[in-house]
Amino acid sequence: MTSTKYDTTPKEQVLYANMLFYGCWSGLALMIVTYLVYAFGILEPHVPMEVVTRVWFHPVQEYLTAGQVPVGWGWAALLNKGDFINFLGIVLLAGMTLVCYVPLIVAYLKKKDILFAMIAIAEILVLAFAASGVVGGGAH
């Protein structure tokens, strides 16, 4: 018994699955490392722990105001702070689906499967547009 049901899986699907698998584990590993950076105080936090504990039970708007935390993509400017560097792992996890579509486009174009290539391009555009925050639902 040398063949399995996976032998007939198209290469592009295997590539997508492998990229997603390793990307997700990389994102989780990055989150652990950046959490340790924060927990051990290697990088100074943007919002001091005294402020966090003071506003912990209040609505998030009070936390944002007290900590002078930017909304939207403003967090990207704070990646040098211990409490925001962990966003890198989250970004990697959230962005893996988008990144995994890129090689699919190439693979589908090589197979001259234009419909699937166009669907992959459309998926990238939709995900990028949603994450941009233009429609108000993305970018937290």
C-alpha atoms as a PDB file:
ATOM      1  CA  MET A   1       0.000   0.000   0.000  1.00  0.00           C
ATOM      2  CA  THR A   2       2.121   2.849  -1.275  1.00  0.00           C
ATOM      3  CA  SER A   3      -0.467   5.259  -2.536  1.00  0.00           C
ATOM      4  CA  THR A   4      -2.729   7.427  -0.431  1.00  0.00           C
ATOM      5  CA  LYS A   5      -5.610   9.704  -1.186  1.00  0.00           C
ATOM      6  CA  TYR A   6      -3.126  12.623  -0.971  1.00  0.00           C
ATOM      7  CA  ASP A   7      -1.201  11.467  -4.031  1.00  0.00           C
ATOM      8  CA  THR A   8      -3.811  13.118  -6.215  1.00  0.00           C
ATOM      9  CA  THR A   9      -3.802  16.405  -4.332  1.00  0.00           C
ATOM     10  CA  PRO A  10      -2.763  19.202  -6.703  1.00  0.00           C
ATOM     11  CA  LYS A  11       0.711  20.597  -6.020  1.00  0.00           C
ATOM     12  CA  GLU A  12      -0.562  24.145  -5.550  1.00  0.00           C
ATOM     13  CA  GLN A  13      -2.888  22.988  -2.762  1.00  0.00           C
ATOM     14  CA  VAL A  14      -0.040  21.195  -1.032  1.00  0.00           C
ATOM     15  CA  LEU A  15       2.111  24.320  -1.392  1.00  0.00           C
ATOM     16  CA  TYR A  16      -0.661  26.490   0.065  1.00  0.00           C
ATOM     17  CA  ALA A  17      -1.183  24.099   2.982  1.00  0.00           C
ATOM     18  CA  ASN A  18       2.541  23.852   3.735  1.00  0.00           C
ATOM     19  CA  MET A  19       3.006  27.618   3.646  1.00  0.00           C
ATOM     20  CA  LEU A  20       0.000  28.107   5.903  1.00  0.00           C
ATOM     21  CA  PHE A  21       1.177  25.398   8.305  1.00  0.00           C
ATOM     22  CA  TYR A  22       4.700  26.755   8.730  1.00  0.00           C
ATOM     23  CA  GLY A  23       3.550  30.362   8.678  1.00  0.00           C
ATOM     24  CA  CYS A  24       1.063  29.765  11.482  1.00  0.00           C
ATOM     25  CA  TRP A  25       3.626  27.982  13.623  1.00  0.00           C
ATOM     26  CA  SER A  26       6.092  30.789  12.916  1.00  0.00           C
ATOM     27  CA  GLY A  27       3.484  33.332  13.991  1.00  0.00           C
ATOM     28  CA  LEU A  28       2.833  31.457  17.219  1.00  0.00           C
ATOM     29  CA  ALA A  29       6.572  31.179  17.923  1.00  0.00           C
ATOM     30  CA  LEU A  30       6.973  34.894  17.246  1.00  0.00           C
ATOM     31  CA  MET A  31       4.121  35.651  19.637  1.00  0.00           C
ATOM     32  CA  ILE A  32       5.815  33.606  22.369  1.00  0.00           C
ATOM     33  CA  VAL A  33       9.163  35.322  21.851  1.00  0.00           C
ATOM     34  CA  THR A  34       7.665  38.809  21.787  1.00  0.00           C
ATOM     35  CA  TYR A  35       5.569  38.030  24.867  1.00  0.00           C
ATOM     36  CA  LEU A  36       8.753  37.042  26.699  1.00  0.00           C
ATOM     37  CA  VAL A  37      10.347  40.293  25.524  1.00  0.00           C
ATOM     38  CA  TYR A  38       7.405  42.122  27.096  1.00  0.00           C
ATOM     39  CA  ALA A  39       7.175  39.974  30.245  1.00  0.00           C
ATOM     40  CA  PHE A  40      10.872  40.262  31.048  1.00  0.00           C
ATOM     41  CA  GLY A  41      10.878  44.000  30.383  1.00  0.00           C
ATOM     42  CA  ILE A  42      13.476  43.821  27.644  1.00  0.00           C
ATOM     43  CA  LEU A  43      11.608  46.591  25.835  1.00  0.00           C
ATOM     44  CA  GLU A  44       9.824  49.329  27.749  1.00  0.00           C
ATOM     45  CA  PRO A  45       6.012  49.210  27.305  1.00  0.00           C
ATOM     46  CA  HIS A  46       4.118  52.102  25.764  1.00  0.00           C
ATOM     47  CA  VAL A  47       1.412  51.817  28.434  1.00  0.00           C
ATOM     48  CA  PRO A  48       2.926  51.397  31.905  1.00  0.00           C
ATOM     49  CA  MET A  49       1.547  48.554  34.011  1.00  0.00           C
ATOM     50  CA  GLU A  50       0.207  51.086  36.551  1.00  0.00           C
ATOM     51  CA  VAL A  51      -2.052  52.538  33.858  1.00  0.00           C
ATOM     52  CA  VAL A  52      -3.136  49.107  32.658  1.00  0.00           C
ATOM     53  CA  THR A  53      -4.171  47.993  36.155  1.00  0.00           C
ATOM     54  CA  ARG A  54      -5.935  51.335  36.818  1.00  0.00           C
ATOM     55  CA  VAL A  55      -8.147  51.125  33.716  1.00  0.00           C
ATOM     56  CA  TRP A  56      -8.394  47.343  33.494  1.00  0.00           C
ATOM     57  CA  PHE A  57     -12.107  47.214  34.336  1.00  0.00           C
ATOM     58  CA  HIS A  58     -13.126  50.288  32.357  1.00  0.00           C
ATOM     59  CA  PRO A  59     -14.317  50.497  28.753  1.00  0.00           C
ATOM     60  CA  VAL A  60     -11.603  50.200  26.144  1.00  0.00           C
ATOM     61  CA  GLN A  61     -11.952  53.865  25.184  1.00  0.00           C
ATOM     62  CA  GLU A  62     -10.705  54.847  28.647  1.00  0.00           C
ATOM     63  CA  TYR A  63      -7.715  52.541  28.228  1.00  0.00           C
ATOM     64  CA  LEU A  64      -6.956  54.059  24.819  1.00  0.00           C
ATOM     65  CA  THR A  65      -7.189  57.583  26.222  1.00  0.00           C
ATOM     66  CA  ALA A  66      -5.251  56.922  29.443  1.00  0.00           C
ATOM     67  CA  GLY A  67      -2.525  55.041  27.599  1.00  0.00           C
ATOM     68  CA  GLN A  68      -2.461  57.386  24.596  1.00  0.00           C
ATOM     69  CA  VAL A  69      -2.866  54.334  22.413  1.00  0.00           C
ATOM     70  CA  PRO A  70      -3.473  55.071  18.740  1.00  0.00           C
ATOM     71  CA  VAL A  71      -6.305  53.406  16.851  1.00  0.00           C
ATOM     72  CA  GLY A  72      -6.263  51.952  13.346  1.00  0.00           C
ATOM     73  CA  TRP A  73      -2.776  51.282  12.004  1.00  0.00           C
ATOM     74  CA  GLY A  74      -1.163  53.676  14.506  1.00  0.00           C
ATOM     75  CA  TRP A  75       0.125  50.692  16.453  1.00  0.00           C
ATOM     76  CA  ALA A  76       2.704  50.084  13.704  1.00  0.00           C
ATOM     77  CA  ALA A  77       4.659  53.118  14.908  1.00  0.00           C
ATOM     78  CA  LEU A  78       4.891  51.534  18.380  1.00  0.00           C
ATOM     79  CA  LEU A  79       6.576  48.262  17.393  1.00  0.00           C
ATOM     80  CA  ASN A  80       9.641  49.304  19.372  1.00  0.00           C
ATOM     81  CA  LYS A  81       7.595  49.070  22.586  1.00  0.00           C
ATOM     82  CA  GLY A  82       7.270  45.865  24.604  1.00  0.00           C
ATOM     83  CA  ASP A  83       3.481  45.864  24.682  1.00  0.00           C
ATOM     84  CA  PHE A  84       3.113  46.370  20.925  1.00  0.00           C
ATOM     85  CA  ILE A  85       5.887  44.206  19.521  1.00  0.00           C
ATOM     86  CA  ASN A  86       3.673  41.149  20.033  1.00  0.00           C
ATOM     87  CA  PHE A  87       1.459  42.499  17.263  1.00  0.00           C
ATOM     88  CA  LEU A  88       4.092  41.182  14.817  1.00  0.00           C
ATOM     89  CA  GLY A  89       3.079  37.585  15.514  1.00  0.00           C
ATOM     90  CA  ILE A  90      -0.582  38.478  15.160  1.00  0.00           C
ATOM     91  CA  VAL A  91       0.114  40.214  11.858  1.00  0.00           C
ATOM     92  CA  LEU A  92       1.984  37.159  10.612  1.00  0.00           C
ATOM     93  CA  LEU A  93      -0.902  34.879  11.600  1.00  0.00           C
ATOM     94  CA  ALA A  94      -3.501  37.173  10.091  1.00  0.00           C
ATOM     95  CA  GLY A  95      -1.531  37.783   6.913  1.00  0.00           C
ATOM     96  CA  MET A  96      -0.572  34.206   6.126  1.00  0.00           C
ATOM     97  CA  THR A  97      -3.719  33.532   4.139  1.00  0.00           C
ATOM     98  CA  LEU A  98      -3.009  36.532   1.954  1.00  0.00           C
ATOM     99  CA  VAL A  99       0.661  35.599   1.484  1.00  0.00           C
ATOM    100  CA  CYS A 100      -0.213  31.996   0.667  1.00  0.00           C
ATOM    101  CA  TYR A 101      -2.357  33.102  -2.253  1.00  0.00           C
ATOM    102  CA  VAL A 102       0.606  34.666  -4.093  1.00  0.00           C
ATOM    103  CA  PRO A 103       2.290  31.394  -5.173  1.00  0.00           C
ATOM    104  CA  LEU A 104      -1.127  30.047  -6.085  1.00  0.00           C
ATOM    105  CA  ILE A 105      -1.459  32.758  -8.707  1.00  0.00           C
ATOM    106  CA  VAL A 106       1.853  31.731 -10.277  1.00  0.00           C
ATOM    107  CA  ALA A 107       0.942  28.036 -10.142  1.00  0.00           C
ATOM    108  CA  TYR A 108      -2.473  28.600 -11.709  1.00  0.00           C
ATOM    109  CA  LEU A 109      -1.022  30.810 -14.435  1.00  0.00           C
ATOM    110  CA  LYS A 110       1.538  28.103 -15.285  1.00  0.00           C
ATOM    111  CA  LYS A 111      -1.336  25.620 -15.586  1.00  0.00           C
ATOM    112  CA  LYS A 112      -3.205  28.208 -17.694  1.00  0.00           C
ATOM    113  CA  ASP A 113      -6.035  28.034 -15.206  1.00  0.00           C
ATOM    114  CA  ILE A 114      -6.966  31.683 -15.575  1.00  0.00           C
ATOM    115  CA  LEU A 115     -10.222  31.458 -13.595  1.00  0.00           C
ATOM    116  CA  PHE A 116      -8.525  30.183 -10.434  1.00  0.00           C
ATOM    117  CA  ALA A 117      -5.690  32.709 -10.872  1.00  0.00           C
ATOM    118  CA  MET A 118      -8.250  35.518 -11.067  1.00  0.00           C
ATOM    119  CA  ILE A 119     -10.045  34.181  -7.980  1.00  0.00           C
ATOM    120  CA  ALA A 120      -6.732  34.138  -6.066  1.00  0.00           C
ATOM    121  CA  ILE A 121      -5.988  37.716  -7.171  1.00  0.00           C
ATOM    122  CA  ALA A 122      -9.484  38.801  -6.157  1.00  0.00           C
ATOM    123  CA  GLU A 123      -9.055  37.105  -2.777  1.00  0.00           C
ATOM    124  CA  ILE A 124      -5.797  38.994  -2.162  1.00  0.00           C
ATOM    125  CA  LEU A 125      -7.428  42.286  -3.114  1.00  0.00           C
ATOM    126  CA  VAL A 126     -10.458  41.684  -0.899  1.00  0.00           C
ATOM    127  CA  LEU A 127      -8.320  40.665   2.091  1.00  0.00           C
ATOM    128  CA  ALA A 128      -5.962  43.627   1.629  1.00  0.00           C
ATOM    129  CA  PHE A 129      -8.871  46.026   1.268  1.00  0.00           C
ATOM    130  CA  ALA A 130     -10.570  44.619   4.389  1.00  0.00           C
ATOM    131  CA  ALA A 131      -7.352  44.848   6.418  1.00  0.00           C
ATOM    132  CA  SER A 132      -6.695  48.399   5.271  1.00  0.00           C
ATOM    133  CA  GLY A 133      -9.416  49.791   7.512  1.00  0.00           C
ATOM    134  CA  VAL A 134     -10.928  51.792   4.661  1.00  0.00           C
ATOM    135  CA  VAL A 135     -14.322  50.197   5.260  1.00  0.00           C
ATOM    136  CA  GLY A 136     -14.076  50.754   9.000  1.00  0.00           C
ATOM    137  CA  GLY A 137     -14.031  47.105  10.041  1.00  0.00           C
ATOM    138  CA  GLY A 138     -10.349  46.267   9.672  1.00  0.00           C
ATOM    139  CA  ALA A 139      -7.139  47.331  11.357  1.00  0.00           C
ATOM    140  CA  HIS A 140      -8.858  46.951  14.763  1.00  0.00           C
END
